[in-house]
Amino acid sequence: MESVLVKEWMTTPVITIGARDPISFAHQVMKEHGIRRLPVVDEGKLVGIVTVGDVREASPSDATTLSIWELNYLWAQLVVEKVMTRKLFVTHPESSIIDAAEIMLDRKVSGLPVVDDRGHLVGMLTESDIFRMLVKSRNNVQLETGH
């Protein structure tokens, strides 16, 4: 498995969002595409990542005394760059998937943006991609051995 590369299992194309987009739009994109994290790009450069957890934390509490109209107004004003994570852990398409998985375990993150030599975002590697690789590898071994 050491020879398996990130580029073989990463998800492409990557759905991204802009740093100045409203957090409500990020939430909508995540729901529509069934994803839990969005890389944030600004002028083509990866500048952060926003997760479902970030959106949840930024959501208004049910305990507020604000009206629904005030809540909606405030929610519409909040932009992604205010809640995104800026300290990024990334991987490279030519990296070993085991090395990428180790970064994810060590850093306690469930996904890594994949960037090329120029720093351009070329994919996303998530826990689901690694699980998919493991299951496919096991199925291939079973086919080869007949078990």
Foldseek 3Di string as FASTA:
>chain_A
DQQAFQLVQFDPDAAAEEQFQQLVVVVVVCVVVVHFKHFYDDPQAGFFMDGPVLSVVPQDDPPDPDDPVVRVVVSRNHGNNVRTGRDADAAERGGGVVVVVVCCVVVVHFKHFYAYPVRGGHGMDGPVSVVVVVVVVVVVVCVVVVD
